[in-house]
């Protein structure tokens, strides 16, 4: 029985991180044989509201305003909303006193109370009159063509949201970059396949757009509100598209400790989302969305992290009992975790060896899942959180 459990758990881990990508790649290849690529209406230029949520971003906000004013999109078609609830620094003043060019439509929405991003978005959404709403973070740089690339998908009535791409700026200084950059490149690859096959499984808050009429308030205690919001749109039968030519760049985490803080929060939000979105586990109702959601998200947030220590302990027992391939796998595991440990020790001494940070980052992500689970169960994860520092 132990052998069967061992190989089943190895399959779960392999499928969650690599197997799903391979299977999805093959399914997309098959789909391409029977479907045509999308065509876009170049004359479709709807009005949009570009929402930037900022909390104490005085170091970034002027650069963000300049970034917004540089979009390759008719300025009369864009309304900029800057939401600064709770900010206690100069962020609202910088926005208010910025010298905007003639014709730019903008609005500062500020309340001194800090109730979190969810409350702020819920407060401003009734004020938005445009058919498309785009959300971004204050500490990201969005490319000039982003709005044009995103809105073209909404000409298809089946599209309810568009997920942009997150890019991590790499300057060769922070150790978090090796794992973080590799992870997001792989995630971008999966999102591209998810989108082409059926739908993206949730969008990241750095950059995404929704059809304004489909907005539904997210529960006040949601930890990863962007994911919950876009999954709700997908659950209602709408397609969430991935647009890699619309991207938001942000600096890599300032340190591994900062990246771990962010990962633990996301992990707690992942567990919360699985509970809230449990109806999506019904394949008879949601079909391919269930397949994608379980394969891309649920397994990574539940069974895969849990399987790793069990695999290691079972491997030791099987190596002692049977030897052969189990001994080889045991030594391979020891080498992998040894590389991760060495990467951690070197990082603490500010010694950078890129090859060691991929196993380290993998282990850190799964460690964060355990920490996030217990934090969620204890109710210690606030939706009003101190953002991770970026380099």
Protein backbone atom coordinates (compact mmCIF):
# COMPACT_ATOMS: atom_id res chain seq x y z
CA UNK A 1 0.00 0.00 0.00
CA UNK A 2 2.87 2.39 0.81
CA UNK A 3 4.25 2.01 -2.71
CA UNK A 4 0.91 2.96 -4.27
CA UNK A 5 0.56 6.00 -2.02
CA UNK A 6 4.13 7.05 -2.81
CA UNK A 7 3.65 6.99 -6.58
CA UNK A 8 0.21 8.58 -6.37
CA UNK A 9 1.61 11.50 -4.39
CA UNK A 10 4.53 11.87 -6.81
CA UNK A 11 1.99 12.01 -9.62
CA UNK A 12 0.03 14.73 -7.78
CA UNK A 13 3.13 16.89 -7.29
CA UNK A 14 4.36 16.34 -10.85
CA UNK A 15 0.93 17.03 -12.34
CA UNK A 16 0.36 20.17 -10.25
CA UNK A 17 3.63 21.80 -11.28
CA UNK A 18 4.49 20.30 -14.68
CA UNK A 19 2.00 17.69 -15.87
CA UNK A 20 -0.90 20.09 -16.18
CA UNK A 21 1.21 22.38 -18.36
CA UNK A 22 2.16 19.48 -20.64
CA UNK A 23 -1.44 18.23 -20.89
CA UNK A 24 -2.77 21.72 -21.50
CA UNK A 25 -0.18 22.29 -24.23
CA UNK A 26 -1.39 19.16 -26.02
CA UNK A 27 -5.07 20.08 -25.60
CA UNK A 28 -4.42 23.54 -27.07
CA UNK A 29 -2.61 21.97 -30.04
CA UNK A 30 -5.66 19.79 -30.67
CA UNK A 31 -8.06 22.71 -30.30
CA UNK A 32 -6.13 24.73 -32.89
CA UNK A 33 -6.90 22.05 -35.46
CA UNK A 34 -10.63 22.75 -35.15
CA UNK A 35 -10.85 26.47 -34.39
CA UNK A 36 -9.80 29.75 -35.95
CA UNK A 37 -7.80 32.48 -34.26
CA UNK A 38 -9.66 35.54 -33.00
CA UNK A 39 -9.93 38.62 -35.17
CA UNK A 40 -10.24 42.09 -33.65
CA UNK A 41 -12.19 45.19 -34.63
CA UNK A 42 -9.64 48.00 -34.82
CA UNK A 43 -12.42 50.57 -34.63
CA UNK A 44 -13.60 49.30 -31.24
CA UNK A 45 -12.35 51.96 -28.84
CA UNK A 46 -14.68 52.00 -25.80
CA UNK A 47 -14.46 54.43 -22.92
CA UNK A 48 -12.54 53.07 -19.95
CA UNK A 49 -11.90 53.98 -16.34
CA UNK A 50 -8.36 53.32 -15.17
CA UNK A 51 -8.31 52.73 -11.41
CA UNK A 52 -5.09 53.03 -9.43
CA UNK A 53 -5.28 52.08 -5.76
CA UNK A 54 -2.50 53.70 -3.74
CA UNK A 55 -1.71 53.54 -0.05
CA UNK A 56 1.23 55.68 1.13
CA UNK A 57 2.92 55.64 -2.27
CA UNK A 58 4.50 59.10 -2.25
CA UNK A 59 7.77 57.62 -3.57
CA UNK A 60 6.04 56.12 -6.63
CA UNK A 61 2.85 58.04 -7.33
CA UNK A 62 4.25 60.83 -9.51
CA UNK A 63 5.99 58.26 -11.69
CA UNK A 64 2.70 56.34 -11.82
CA UNK A 65 0.79 59.43 -12.99
CA UNK A 66 3.34 59.99 -15.75
CA UNK A 67 3.02 56.33 -16.70
CA UNK A 68 -0.77 56.71 -16.97
CA UNK A 69 -0.55 59.84 -19.11
CA UNK A 70 1.65 58.03 -21.62
CA UNK A 71 -0.93 55.44 -22.73
CA UNK A 72 -1.41 54.97 -26.47
CA UNK A 73 -5.17 55.42 -26.25
CA UNK A 74 -7.44 58.42 -27.00
CA UNK A 75 -7.24 60.58 -23.88
CA UNK A 76 -10.89 61.62 -24.21
CA UNK A 77 -11.80 57.94 -23.82
CA UNK A 78 -9.98 57.47 -20.48
CA UNK A 79 -11.00 58.56 -16.99
CA UNK A 80 -8.36 58.12 -14.30
CA UNK A 81 -9.48 57.28 -10.77
CA UNK A 82 -6.82 57.53 -8.05
CA UNK A 83 -8.02 55.93 -4.81
CA UNK A 84 -5.90 56.77 -1.76
CA UNK A 85 -8.06 55.76 1.22
CA UNK A 86 -6.11 55.76 4.47
CA UNK A 87 -2.94 57.29 3.05
CA UNK A 88 -1.18 59.33 5.70
CA UNK A 89 1.72 60.60 3.60
CA UNK A 90 1.81 63.05 0.67
CA UNK A 91 0.21 60.67 -1.86
CA UNK A 92 -3.18 62.48 -2.10
CA UNK A 93 -1.49 65.90 -2.26
CA UNK A 94 0.83 64.84 -5.08
CA UNK A 95 -2.12 63.56 -7.11
CA UNK A 96 -4.22 66.64 -6.38
CA UNK A 97 -1.50 69.15 -7.29
CA UNK A 98 -0.02 67.40 -10.31
CA UNK A 99 0.03 69.53 -13.48
CA UNK A 100 -2.21 67.44 -15.72
CA UNK A 101 -2.30 68.25 -19.47
CA UNK A 102 -5.46 69.82 -20.87
CA UNK A 103 -8.21 67.35 -21.63
CA UNK A 104 -7.13 64.68 -19.12
CA UNK A 105 -10.07 63.38 -17.13
CA UNK A 106 -9.06 62.44 -13.61
CA UNK A 107 -10.50 62.21 -10.13
CA UNK A 108 -8.92 61.84 -6.69
CA UNK A 109 -10.98 59.67 -4.37
CA UNK A 110 -9.69 59.86 -0.82
CA UNK A 111 -11.02 59.05 2.61
CA UNK A 112 -8.89 59.32 5.75
CA UNK A 113 -10.15 55.99 7.09
CA UNK A 114 -8.18 52.94 6.04
CA UNK A 115 -10.61 50.10 5.44
CA UNK A 116 -8.65 48.26 2.79
CA UNK A 117 -8.69 48.02 -0.99
CA UNK A 118 -11.93 46.00 -1.13
CA UNK A 119 -13.90 48.70 0.70
CA UNK A 120 -12.34 51.39 -1.48
CA UNK A 121 -13.24 49.60 -4.72
CA UNK A 122 -16.77 48.92 -3.48
CA UNK A 123 -17.12 52.63 -2.69
CA UNK A 124 -16.00 53.88 -6.10
CA UNK A 125 -17.58 51.34 -8.48
CA UNK A 126 -21.03 53.04 -8.49
CA UNK A 127 -19.25 56.21 -9.71
CA UNK A 128 -17.82 54.50 -12.78
CA UNK A 129 -19.85 55.18 -15.93
CA UNK A 130 -17.65 53.52 -18.56
CA UNK A 131 -18.32 49.99 -19.88
CA UNK A 132 -14.76 48.82 -19.07
CA UNK A 133 -12.87 49.21 -15.78
CA UNK A 134 -9.14 48.56 -15.53
CA UNK A 135 -7.38 48.00 -12.21
CA UNK A 136 -3.69 48.39 -11.45
CA UNK A 137 -1.33 48.91 -8.50
CA UNK A 138 0.46 52.17 -7.81
CA UNK A 139 3.98 50.69 -7.75
CA UNK A 140 3.83 49.17 -11.24
CA UNK A 141 4.73 50.49 -14.69
CA UNK A 142 2.14 49.61 -17.34
CA UNK A 143 3.17 49.52 -21.00
CA UNK A 144 1.84 52.16 -23.42
CA UNK A 145 -0.25 49.75 -25.49
CA UNK A 146 -1.87 48.01 -22.50
CA UNK A 147 -5.32 49.60 -22.68
CA UNK A 148 -5.58 49.11 -26.43
CA UNK A 149 -4.49 45.47 -26.15
CA UNK A 150 -6.93 44.70 -23.33
CA UNK A 151 -10.11 46.40 -24.53
CA UNK A 152 -10.02 44.77 -27.97
CA UNK A 153 -11.09 41.49 -26.35
CA UNK A 154 -14.30 43.01 -24.97
CA UNK A 155 -15.69 43.31 -28.49
CA UNK A 156 -16.54 39.63 -27.92
CA UNK A 157 -19.63 39.59 -25.69
CA UNK A 158 -18.49 36.34 -24.08
CA UNK A 159 -15.44 38.01 -22.56
CA UNK A 160 -16.04 39.28 -19.04
CA UNK A 161 -12.49 40.08 -17.93
CA UNK A 162 -8.96 40.38 -19.28
CA UNK A 163 -5.88 39.50 -17.26
CA UNK A 164 -2.71 41.38 -18.04
CA UNK A 165 0.77 40.00 -17.51
CA UNK A 166 2.92 40.62 -14.48
CA UNK A 167 6.62 41.11 -15.14
CA UNK A 168 9.31 41.21 -12.48
CA UNK A 169 12.08 43.72 -13.02
CA UNK A 170 15.48 42.10 -12.60
CA UNK A 171 18.46 44.27 -11.72
CA UNK A 172 20.91 41.60 -10.65
CA UNK A 173 20.90 42.64 -7.00
CA UNK A 174 18.21 40.71 -5.14
CA UNK A 175 18.25 36.96 -4.64
CA UNK A 176 14.48 36.70 -4.80
CA UNK A 177 14.63 37.44 -8.52
CA UNK A 178 15.87 34.02 -9.65
CA UNK A 179 12.91 32.13 -8.26
CA UNK A 180 10.35 34.91 -8.54
CA UNK A 181 11.20 35.70 -12.17
CA UNK A 182 11.24 32.05 -13.21
CA UNK A 183 7.94 31.41 -11.43
CA UNK A 184 6.17 34.29 -13.17
CA UNK A 185 7.53 33.31 -16.57
CA UNK A 186 6.12 29.82 -16.08
CA UNK A 187 2.83 31.25 -14.80
CA UNK A 188 2.62 33.45 -17.89
CA UNK A 189 3.10 30.38 -20.07
CA UNK A 190 0.26 28.56 -18.26
CA UNK A 191 -2.04 31.58 -18.44
CA UNK A 192 -1.49 31.82 -22.18
CA UNK A 193 -2.51 28.19 -22.58
CA UNK A 194 -5.41 28.49 -20.11
CA UNK A 195 -6.79 31.45 -22.03
CA UNK A 196 -6.53 29.79 -25.41
CA UNK A 197 -8.04 26.54 -24.19
CA UNK A 198 -11.01 27.93 -22.24
CA UNK A 199 -10.44 30.66 -19.64
CA UNK A 200 -7.80 32.11 -17.36
CA UNK A 201 -8.13 30.87 -13.79
CA UNK A 202 -8.13 34.19 -11.95
CA UNK A 203 -6.26 37.44 -12.57
CA UNK A 204 -3.48 39.11 -10.59
CA UNK A 205 -4.14 42.55 -9.15
CA UNK A 206 -1.15 44.20 -10.85
CA UNK A 207 -3.22 44.65 -14.04
CA UNK A 208 -6.63 43.37 -15.08
CA UNK A 209 -9.82 44.67 -16.67
CA UNK A 210 -13.47 43.77 -16.21
CA UNK A 211 -16.71 44.53 -17.96
CA UNK A 212 -18.11 47.06 -15.48
CA UNK A 213 -21.63 45.66 -15.63
CA UNK A 214 -20.36 42.31 -14.34
CA UNK A 215 -18.82 43.72 -11.16
CA UNK A 216 -20.11 42.20 -7.96
CA UNK A 217 -18.81 43.30 -4.55
CA UNK A 218 -16.24 40.95 -3.07
CA UNK A 219 -16.76 39.98 0.60
CA UNK A 220 -15.12 42.49 2.90
CA UNK A 221 -12.81 39.87 4.42
CA UNK A 222 -11.45 38.57 1.08
CA UNK A 223 -7.67 38.26 1.16
CA UNK A 224 -7.01 37.91 -2.60
CA UNK A 225 -9.88 40.01 -3.88
CA UNK A 226 -8.64 40.21 -7.48
CA UNK A 227 -8.66 36.42 -7.80
CA UNK A 228 -12.10 36.07 -6.19
CA UNK A 229 -13.57 38.85 -8.35
CA UNK A 230 -12.37 37.41 -11.66
CA UNK A 231 -13.20 33.82 -10.70
CA UNK A 232 -16.72 34.97 -9.91
CA UNK A 233 -16.95 36.44 -13.42
CA UNK A 234 -15.73 33.13 -14.89
CA UNK A 235 -18.14 31.13 -12.72
CA UNK A 236 -21.02 33.16 -14.15
CA UNK A 237 -20.18 31.76 -17.59
CA UNK A 238 -17.94 34.52 -18.91
CA UNK A 239 -14.50 34.05 -20.41
CA UNK A 240 -11.42 35.55 -18.76
CA UNK A 241 -8.79 36.23 -21.42
CA UNK A 242 -5.04 36.55 -20.95
CA UNK A 243 -3.35 39.39 -22.83
CA UNK A 244 0.46 39.17 -22.66
CA UNK A 245 0.89 42.41 -24.63
CA UNK A 246 -0.62 44.30 -21.70
CA UNK A 247 1.79 44.06 -18.81
CA UNK A 248 2.65 45.65 -15.50
CA UNK A 249 6.25 45.68 -14.33
CA UNK A 250 7.26 45.84 -10.71
CA UNK A 251 10.52 45.38 -8.88
CA UNK A 252 11.40 42.04 -7.38
CA UNK A 253 10.90 41.65 -3.64
CA UNK A 254 13.51 43.57 -1.66
CA UNK A 255 14.43 40.40 0.21
CA UNK A 256 13.41 36.79 0.65
CA UNK A 257 11.70 37.77 3.92
CA UNK A 258 9.52 40.28 2.03
CA UNK A 259 8.70 37.73 -0.67
CA UNK A 260 7.83 35.14 1.97
CA UNK A 261 5.49 37.62 3.66
CA UNK A 262 3.67 38.12 0.36
CA UNK A 263 3.53 34.39 -0.37
CA UNK A 264 2.05 33.57 3.03
CA UNK A 265 -0.68 36.14 2.51
CA UNK A 266 -1.48 34.72 -0.94
CA UNK A 267 -1.49 31.19 0.50
CA UNK A 268 -3.97 32.19 3.20
CA UNK A 269 -6.09 33.79 0.50
CA UNK A 270 -5.85 30.64 -1.60
CA UNK A 271 -7.27 28.50 1.19
CA UNK A 272 -10.02 31.03 1.78
CA UNK A 273 -10.84 31.07 -1.94
CA UNK A 274 -11.08 27.28 -2.15
CA UNK A 275 -13.69 27.33 0.61
CA UNK A 276 -15.64 30.21 -0.88
CA UNK A 277 -15.45 28.89 -4.44
CA UNK A 278 -16.31 25.29 -3.56
CA UNK A 279 -19.19 25.26 -6.10
CA UNK A 280 -16.51 25.44 -8.81
CA UNK A 281 -15.41 21.93 -7.82
CA UNK A 282 -18.54 20.58 -9.54
CA UNK A 283 -17.52 19.53 -13.08
CA UNK A 284 -21.12 18.74 -14.04
CA UNK A 285 -21.98 22.43 -13.70
CA UNK A 286 -18.74 24.17 -14.64
CA UNK A 287 -17.08 21.64 -16.95
CA UNK A 288 -13.70 22.76 -18.24
CA UNK A 289 -13.50 25.57 -15.68
CA UNK A 290 -13.49 22.97 -12.90
CA UNK A 291 -10.74 21.03 -14.66
CA UNK A 292 -8.59 24.14 -15.01
CA UNK A 293 -9.32 25.47 -11.51
CA UNK A 294 -8.45 22.19 -9.80
CA UNK A 295 -5.38 21.54 -11.95
CA UNK A 296 -3.89 25.03 -11.86
CA UNK A 297 -4.89 26.26 -8.40
CA UNK A 298 -6.49 23.82 -6.00
CA UNK A 299 -3.81 21.13 -6.20
CA UNK A 300 -1.03 23.67 -5.69
CA UNK A 301 -2.79 25.13 -2.68
CA UNK A 302 -3.70 21.83 -1.01
CA UNK A 303 -2.53 18.34 -1.98
CA UNK A 304 0.83 19.20 -3.58
CA UNK A 305 2.36 20.96 -0.54
CA UNK A 306 0.92 18.32 1.79
CA UNK A 307 2.34 15.54 -0.38
CA UNK A 308 5.96 16.71 -0.27
CA UNK A 309 6.87 15.74 3.34
CA UNK A 310 4.86 12.50 3.06
CA UNK A 311 6.75 11.57 -0.12
CA UNK A 312 10.08 12.16 1.60
CA UNK A 313 9.21 10.05 4.65
CA UNK A 314 7.73 7.24 2.55
CA UNK A 315 10.81 7.36 0.32
CA UNK A 316 13.13 6.75 3.27
CA UNK A 317 11.02 3.77 4.34
CA UNK A 318 10.86 2.33 0.80
CA UNK A 319 14.60 2.83 0.25
CA UNK A 320 15.38 0.86 3.39
CA UNK A 321 12.83 -1.83 2.56
CA UNK A 322 13.25 -2.19 -1.21
CA UNK A 323 16.30 -0.23 -2.35
CA UNK A 324 16.82 0.15 -6.11
CA UNK A 325 15.01 3.07 -7.69
CA UNK A 326 13.70 4.21 -4.30
CA UNK A 327 17.26 4.71 -3.07
CA UNK A 328 18.04 6.77 -6.16
CA UNK A 329 14.92 8.91 -5.68
CA UNK A 330 15.76 9.37 -2.00
CA UNK A 331 19.24 10.70 -2.81
CA UNK A 332 17.76 12.92 -5.52
CA UNK A 333 15.36 14.39 -2.95
CA UNK A 334 18.17 14.88 -0.45
CA UNK A 335 20.21 16.67 -3.11
CA UNK A 336 17.27 18.89 -4.06
CA UNK A 337 16.45 19.89 -0.49
CA UNK A 338 20.15 20.27 0.21
CA UNK A 339 20.42 22.74 -2.68
CA UNK A 340 17.41 24.60 -1.33
CA UNK A 341 18.95 24.76 2.14
CA UNK A 342 22.27 25.93 0.76
CA UNK A 343 20.47 28.60 -1.26
CA UNK A 344 18.79 29.80 1.93
CA UNK A 345 22.06 29.88 3.89
CA UNK A 346 23.89 31.72 1.14
CA UNK A 347 21.06 34.20 0.78
CA UNK A 348 21.38 35.03 4.48
CA UNK A 349 25.06 35.84 3.81
CA UNK A 350 24.15 37.85 0.68
CA UNK A 351 25.97 35.37 -1.56
CA UNK A 352 24.14 34.95 -4.85
CA UNK A 353 24.20 31.70 -6.81
CA UNK A 354 21.21 31.72 -9.16
CA UNK A 355 21.00 27.96 -9.70
CA UNK A 356 20.29 27.37 -6.01
CA UNK A 357 17.40 29.79 -5.78
CA UNK A 358 14.98 27.84 -7.96
CA UNK A 359 14.87 24.86 -5.53
CA UNK A 360 14.94 27.33 -2.65
CA UNK A 361 12.04 29.34 -4.11
CA UNK A 362 10.06 26.16 -4.74
CA UNK A 363 10.51 25.07 -1.12
CA UNK A 364 9.74 28.55 0.14
CA UNK A 365 6.46 28.63 -1.81
CA UNK A 366 5.35 25.32 -0.32
CA UNK A 367 6.46 26.34 3.16
CA UNK A 368 4.36 29.48 2.70
CA UNK A 369 1.34 27.30 1.93
CA UNK A 370 1.63 25.61 5.33
CA UNK A 371 2.12 28.95 7.09
CA UNK A 372 -0.75 30.48 5.14
CA UNK A 373 -3.07 27.59 6.00
CA UNK A 374 -2.44 27.90 9.73
CA UNK A 375 -2.66 31.68 9.59
CA UNK A 376 -6.03 31.45 7.86
CA UNK A 377 -7.30 28.84 10.32
CA UNK A 378 -6.29 31.09 13.22
CA UNK A 379 -7.90 34.10 11.55
CA UNK A 380 -4.66 36.08 11.79
CA UNK A 381 -4.52 37.32 8.18
CA UNK A 382 -6.01 40.81 7.92
CA UNK A 383 -7.26 42.13 4.60
CA UNK A 384 -5.59 45.41 5.55
CA UNK A 385 -1.97 44.44 5.26
CA UNK A 386 1.42 46.05 4.98
CA UNK A 387 2.57 45.54 1.40
CA UNK A 388 5.82 43.73 0.75
CA UNK A 389 8.77 46.00 0.06
CA UNK A 390 10.06 46.01 -3.51
CA UNK A 391 13.59 46.62 -4.69
